[in-house]
Amino acid sequence: MIEIKNIEKSFNGNKILKGISTVFETGKTNLIIGQSGSGKTVLLKSLLGIHTPESGQICFDGRVYSELEDDEKRELRTEIGMVFQGSALFDSMTVAENVAFPLKMFTKDNRAAVKERVDFVLERVALKDAHDKLPSEISGGMQKRVAIARAIVNRPKYLFCDEPNSGLDPNTATLIDNLIKEITEEYGITTVINTHDMNSVMEIGDNILFLKNGIKAWQGNKDEIFKTDNEDVVAFVYSSNLFRKVREAYLRE
């Protein structure tokens, strides 16, 4: 579980995060949504320790990040997996080498143990025959699955995903959503996803945080978002005719 307690963050005198408090739950897909400039990315980077809030606390299962010693922060970082927006694979490395990279960086596992773990996670994301391929030789959806495999190879407690469906067709995006949700539940991970994909909101939104102008404007799950009368949420989520019709049909039932 990740607890955020009244965090604030500014850049050049411009306050981006304005006293946000929330909880991201373990074993659930926690989504952050909002318009561009709402503070989504700044919040995600604050969770990752890239930005340091001026005030407030971020707690990882009771550990207050700002109070940790440097070696404790390094230990915490080994418990974090990250799926980047563009997958961020190393072009010159094979799929297997990309996935093995965190193990070689953060563990003392021998070659046999690394291979066993890489084989396991690649099979888990349905890529067991892609070990020796380069990223340029596989599709965008497969690259995203490699990125997920790399993110979970070190058995993280916390998984962060930045726009994991960016650039993917709808069918592949749904496959990625389902994979992230399955892994989250299967391994009991606290997963936080920064997304603008409303399909993800409707499909895997166990816990949805809606930001507007740096504040928490609404929080709920994928069922509650259908019923909310929060005007900002309705305007943002149901801006397309398709989602508006889905909501209208839901409310008529």
Protein backbone atom coordinates (compact mmCIF):
# COMPACT_ATOMS: atom_id res chain seq x y z
CA MET A 1 0.00 0.00 0.00
CA ILE A 2 1.13 3.52 -0.79
CA GLU A 3 -0.23 6.39 1.30
CA ILE A 4 0.04 9.97 0.12
CA LYS A 5 -0.52 12.57 2.79
CA ASN A 6 -1.12 16.18 1.80
CA ILE A 7 1.78 16.49 -0.64
CA GLU A 8 2.55 19.74 -2.41
CA LYS A 9 4.98 20.39 -5.22
CA SER A 10 5.87 23.60 -7.03
CA PHE A 11 8.09 24.62 -9.93
CA ASN A 12 9.31 28.20 -10.27
CA GLY A 13 6.64 29.39 -7.86
CA ASN A 14 3.86 27.58 -9.71
CA LYS A 15 2.14 25.06 -7.42
CA ILE A 16 1.45 21.85 -9.37
CA LEU A 17 0.33 19.50 -6.60
CA LYS A 18 -1.94 21.16 -4.04
CA GLY A 19 -2.28 19.09 -0.92
CA ILE A 20 -3.11 15.70 -2.43
CA SER A 21 -3.96 12.86 -0.05
CA THR A 22 -4.92 9.38 -1.17
CA VAL A 23 -4.22 5.66 -0.77
CA PHE A 24 -3.13 3.25 -3.52
CA GLU A 25 -4.12 -0.25 -2.52
CA THR A 26 -2.16 -3.50 -2.77
CA GLY A 27 -3.40 -6.08 -5.25
CA LYS A 28 -5.43 -3.50 -7.16
CA THR A 29 -4.89 -1.44 -10.29
CA ASN A 30 -4.77 2.17 -9.12
CA LEU A 31 -5.25 4.63 -11.99
CA ILE A 32 -4.37 8.33 -12.12
CA ILE A 33 -6.38 10.28 -14.69
CA GLY A 34 -6.88 13.94 -15.61
CA GLN A 35 -6.29 16.47 -18.34
CA SER A 36 -2.82 17.54 -19.44
CA GLY A 37 -1.39 19.82 -16.80
CA SER A 38 -3.50 18.32 -14.01
CA GLY A 39 -0.43 17.04 -12.14
CA LYS A 40 -0.53 13.34 -13.11
CA THR A 41 3.08 13.11 -14.24
CA VAL A 42 4.41 15.20 -11.37
CA LEU A 43 2.57 12.95 -8.93
CA LEU A 44 3.96 9.80 -10.54
CA LYS A 45 7.50 11.21 -10.52
CA SER A 46 7.08 12.18 -6.87
CA LEU A 47 6.15 8.58 -6.06
CA LEU A 48 9.27 7.43 -7.90
CA GLY A 49 11.48 9.84 -5.95
CA ILE A 50 12.37 11.86 -9.05
CA HIS A 51 10.63 14.94 -7.61
CA THR A 52 10.76 15.90 -3.94
CA PRO A 53 7.56 17.47 -2.58
CA GLU A 54 7.94 20.61 -0.47
CA SER A 55 5.54 19.25 2.11
CA GLY A 56 3.55 16.14 2.95
CA GLN A 57 4.51 12.47 3.07
CA ILE A 58 4.67 9.48 0.76
CA CYS A 59 4.57 6.19 2.68
CA PHE A 60 5.42 2.78 1.24
CA ASP A 61 3.81 0.22 3.55
CA GLY A 62 4.44 2.49 6.50
CA ARG A 63 7.90 3.66 5.42
CA VAL A 64 7.99 7.43 5.00
CA TYR A 65 10.20 8.02 1.98
CA SER A 66 11.52 11.42 3.08
CA GLU A 67 12.64 9.93 6.42
CA LEU A 68 14.61 7.03 4.97
CA GLU A 69 18.40 6.93 4.95
CA ASP A 70 20.15 6.75 1.58
CA ASP A 71 20.75 3.02 1.83
CA GLU A 72 17.09 2.48 2.77
CA LYS A 73 16.01 4.48 -0.25
CA ARG A 74 18.23 2.36 -2.47
CA GLU A 75 16.68 -0.77 -0.97
CA LEU A 76 13.19 0.58 -1.63
CA ARG A 77 14.07 1.28 -5.25
CA THR A 78 14.87 -2.41 -5.73
CA GLU A 79 11.25 -3.11 -4.77
CA ILE A 80 9.92 -0.91 -7.60
CA GLY A 81 9.18 -1.94 -11.19
CA MET A 82 8.56 0.61 -13.94
CA VAL A 83 6.86 0.35 -17.33
CA PHE A 84 7.75 3.42 -19.37
CA GLN A 85 5.52 5.06 -21.95
CA GLY A 86 7.73 4.10 -24.88
CA SER A 87 8.80 0.74 -23.39
CA ALA A 88 12.40 2.11 -23.16
CA LEU A 89 14.06 -1.13 -24.23
CA PHE A 90 17.75 -1.23 -25.09
CA ASP A 91 17.90 -1.52 -28.88
CA SER A 92 21.21 -3.38 -28.93
CA MET A 93 20.08 -6.00 -26.39
CA THR A 94 17.97 -9.04 -27.07
CA VAL A 95 14.62 -9.49 -25.37
CA ALA A 96 16.18 -11.82 -22.79
CA GLU A 97 19.07 -9.41 -22.13
CA ASN A 98 16.62 -6.53 -21.63
CA VAL A 99 14.62 -8.52 -19.11
CA ALA A 100 17.75 -9.73 -17.30
CA PHE A 101 19.14 -6.20 -16.91
CA PRO A 102 17.54 -5.40 -13.48
CA LEU A 103 18.69 -8.73 -12.07
CA LYS A 104 22.27 -8.05 -13.10
CA MET A 105 22.07 -4.51 -11.73
CA PHE A 106 20.39 -5.16 -8.39
CA THR A 107 21.02 -8.80 -7.42
CA LYS A 108 23.93 -11.18 -7.04
CA ASP A 109 22.09 -14.05 -8.74
CA ASN A 110 24.31 -16.37 -10.75
CA ARG A 111 23.86 -16.93 -14.47
CA ALA A 112 21.65 -20.00 -14.04
CA ALA A 113 19.33 -18.23 -11.60
CA VAL A 114 19.05 -15.20 -13.89
CA LYS A 115 18.20 -17.39 -16.87
CA GLU A 116 15.59 -19.30 -14.87
CA ARG A 117 13.89 -16.10 -13.73
CA VAL A 118 14.00 -14.52 -17.21
CA ASP A 119 12.53 -17.68 -18.74
CA PHE A 120 9.75 -17.64 -16.14
CA VAL A 121 8.64 -14.03 -16.64
CA LEU A 122 8.85 -14.23 -20.44
CA GLU A 123 6.62 -17.27 -20.37
CA ARG A 124 4.29 -15.40 -18.01
CA VAL A 125 3.84 -12.61 -20.59
CA ALA A 126 3.51 -15.15 -23.44
CA LEU A 127 6.90 -14.41 -25.02
CA LYS A 128 8.77 -17.63 -24.37
CA ASP A 129 9.92 -17.87 -28.01
CA ALA A 130 11.20 -14.29 -28.26
CA HIS A 131 14.37 -14.57 -26.14
CA ASP A 132 16.89 -13.94 -28.92
CA LYS A 133 14.98 -11.30 -30.86
CA LEU A 134 15.92 -7.63 -30.83
CA PRO A 135 13.27 -5.01 -29.98
CA SER A 136 13.23 -3.89 -33.61
CA GLU A 137 12.20 -7.40 -34.64
CA ILE A 138 9.01 -7.53 -32.58
CA SER A 139 5.75 -5.57 -32.60
CA GLY A 140 4.89 -2.64 -30.35
CA GLY A 141 2.58 -4.81 -28.27
CA MET A 142 5.31 -7.40 -27.81
CA GLN A 143 7.75 -4.66 -26.82
CA LYS A 144 5.30 -3.55 -24.15
CA ARG A 145 5.07 -7.11 -22.85
CA VAL A 146 8.87 -7.24 -22.69
CA ALA A 147 8.78 -4.00 -20.69
CA ILE A 148 6.28 -5.57 -18.27
CA ALA A 149 8.44 -8.69 -17.97
CA ARG A 150 11.47 -6.52 -17.17
CA ALA A 151 9.44 -4.55 -14.62
CA ILE A 152 8.37 -7.65 -12.69
CA VAL A 153 11.53 -9.75 -13.05
CA ASN A 154 12.92 -8.51 -9.73
CA ARG A 155 9.66 -9.40 -7.89
CA PRO A 156 8.63 -5.82 -7.14
CA LYS A 157 6.21 -4.80 -4.41
CA TYR A 158 5.29 -1.68 -6.37
CA LEU A 159 4.68 -1.36 -10.11
CA PHE A 160 4.40 2.00 -11.85
CA CYS A 161 3.15 2.31 -15.43
CA ASP A 162 3.29 5.54 -17.43
CA GLU A 163 0.75 5.47 -20.27
CA PRO A 164 1.28 1.73 -20.91
CA ASN A 165 -1.15 1.72 -23.85
CA SER A 166 0.40 4.64 -25.69
CA GLY A 167 0.69 3.94 -29.42
CA LEU A 168 -1.12 0.59 -29.26
CA ASP A 169 -4.21 -0.45 -31.20
CA PRO A 170 -7.37 -1.04 -29.09
CA ASN A 171 -7.13 -4.84 -29.10
CA THR A 172 -3.48 -4.85 -28.05
CA ALA A 173 -4.17 -2.17 -25.44
CA THR A 174 -6.85 -4.38 -23.90
CA LEU A 175 -4.40 -7.31 -23.79
CA ILE A 176 -1.85 -5.12 -21.99
CA ASP A 177 -4.49 -3.88 -19.54
CA ASN A 178 -5.56 -7.42 -18.73
CA LEU A 179 -1.97 -8.58 -18.34
CA ILE A 180 -1.15 -5.78 -15.89
CA LYS A 181 -4.29 -6.50 -13.86
CA GLU A 182 -3.61 -10.26 -13.80
CA ILE A 183 -0.02 -9.75 -12.64
CA THR A 184 -1.11 -7.22 -10.02
CA GLU A 185 -3.60 -9.64 -8.49
CA GLU A 186 -1.46 -12.75 -8.93
CA TYR A 187 1.62 -11.34 -7.18
CA GLY A 188 -0.09 -8.92 -4.78
CA ILE A 189 1.58 -5.82 -6.21
CA THR A 190 0.62 -2.20 -5.55
CA THR A 191 0.20 -1.01 -9.12
CA VAL A 192 -0.15 2.67 -10.08
CA ILE A 193 -0.98 3.56 -13.68
CA ASN A 194 -0.85 7.04 -15.18
CA THR A 195 -3.24 6.92 -18.14
CA HIS A 196 -5.44 8.90 -20.50
CA ASP A 197 -7.03 5.74 -21.93
CA MET A 198 -10.70 5.64 -20.93
CA ASN A 199 -10.93 2.00 -21.98
CA SER A 200 -8.43 1.24 -19.21
CA VAL A 201 -10.53 3.23 -16.76
CA MET A 202 -13.65 1.23 -17.60
CA GLU A 203 -11.92 -2.16 -17.77
CA ILE A 204 -9.39 -2.27 -14.94
CA GLY A 205 -10.11 0.79 -12.78
CA ASP A 206 -10.14 -0.79 -9.31
CA ASN A 207 -9.21 2.56 -7.77
CA ILE A 208 -9.30 5.74 -9.86
CA LEU A 209 -7.85 9.08 -8.81
CA PHE A 210 -9.03 12.05 -10.88
CA LEU A 211 -6.84 15.15 -10.69
CA LYS A 212 -7.80 18.64 -11.79
CA ASN A 213 -5.46 21.60 -11.51
CA GLY A 214 -3.30 19.82 -8.98
CA ILE A 215 -6.03 18.75 -6.56
CA LYS A 216 -7.85 15.47 -5.94
CA ALA A 217 -11.18 16.23 -7.58
CA TRP A 218 -12.67 12.72 -7.28
CA GLN A 219 -11.78 9.16 -6.34
CA GLY A 220 -13.68 5.92 -6.83
CA ASN A 221 -13.79 2.70 -8.86
CA LYS A 222 -14.90 1.81 -12.39
CA ASP A 223 -18.47 1.17 -11.26
CA GLU A 224 -18.75 4.37 -9.25
CA ILE A 225 -17.43 6.46 -12.14
CA PHE A 226 -20.51 5.47 -14.15
CA LYS A 227 -22.81 6.85 -11.46
CA THR A 228 -20.92 9.95 -10.33
CA ASP A 229 -22.53 13.35 -10.67
CA ASN A 230 -19.17 15.11 -10.39
CA GLU A 231 -19.35 17.50 -13.33
CA ASP A 232 -15.59 17.59 -13.91
CA VAL A 233 -15.35 13.79 -14.06
CA VAL A 234 -18.38 13.51 -16.35
CA ALA A 235 -16.99 16.18 -18.71
CA PHE A 236 -13.56 14.51 -18.84
CA VAL A 237 -14.45 10.83 -19.01
CA TYR A 238 -17.58 11.07 -21.13
CA SER A 239 -16.40 13.57 -23.71
CA SER A 240 -16.75 10.95 -26.47
CA ASN A 241 -20.16 9.90 -27.75
CA LEU A 242 -19.33 6.23 -27.19
CA PHE A 243 -18.61 6.54 -23.48
CA ARG A 244 -21.55 8.91 -23.03
CA LYS A 245 -23.87 6.30 -24.51
CA VAL A 246 -22.36 3.57 -22.34
CA ARG A 247 -22.96 5.68 -19.24
CA GLU A 248 -26.53 6.48 -20.26
CA ALA A 249 -27.24 2.79 -20.81
CA TYR A 250 -25.69 1.93 -17.44
CA LEU A 251 -27.82 4.51 -15.62
CA ARG A 252 -31.01 3.24 -17.30
CA GLU A 253 -30.49 -0.28 -15.92
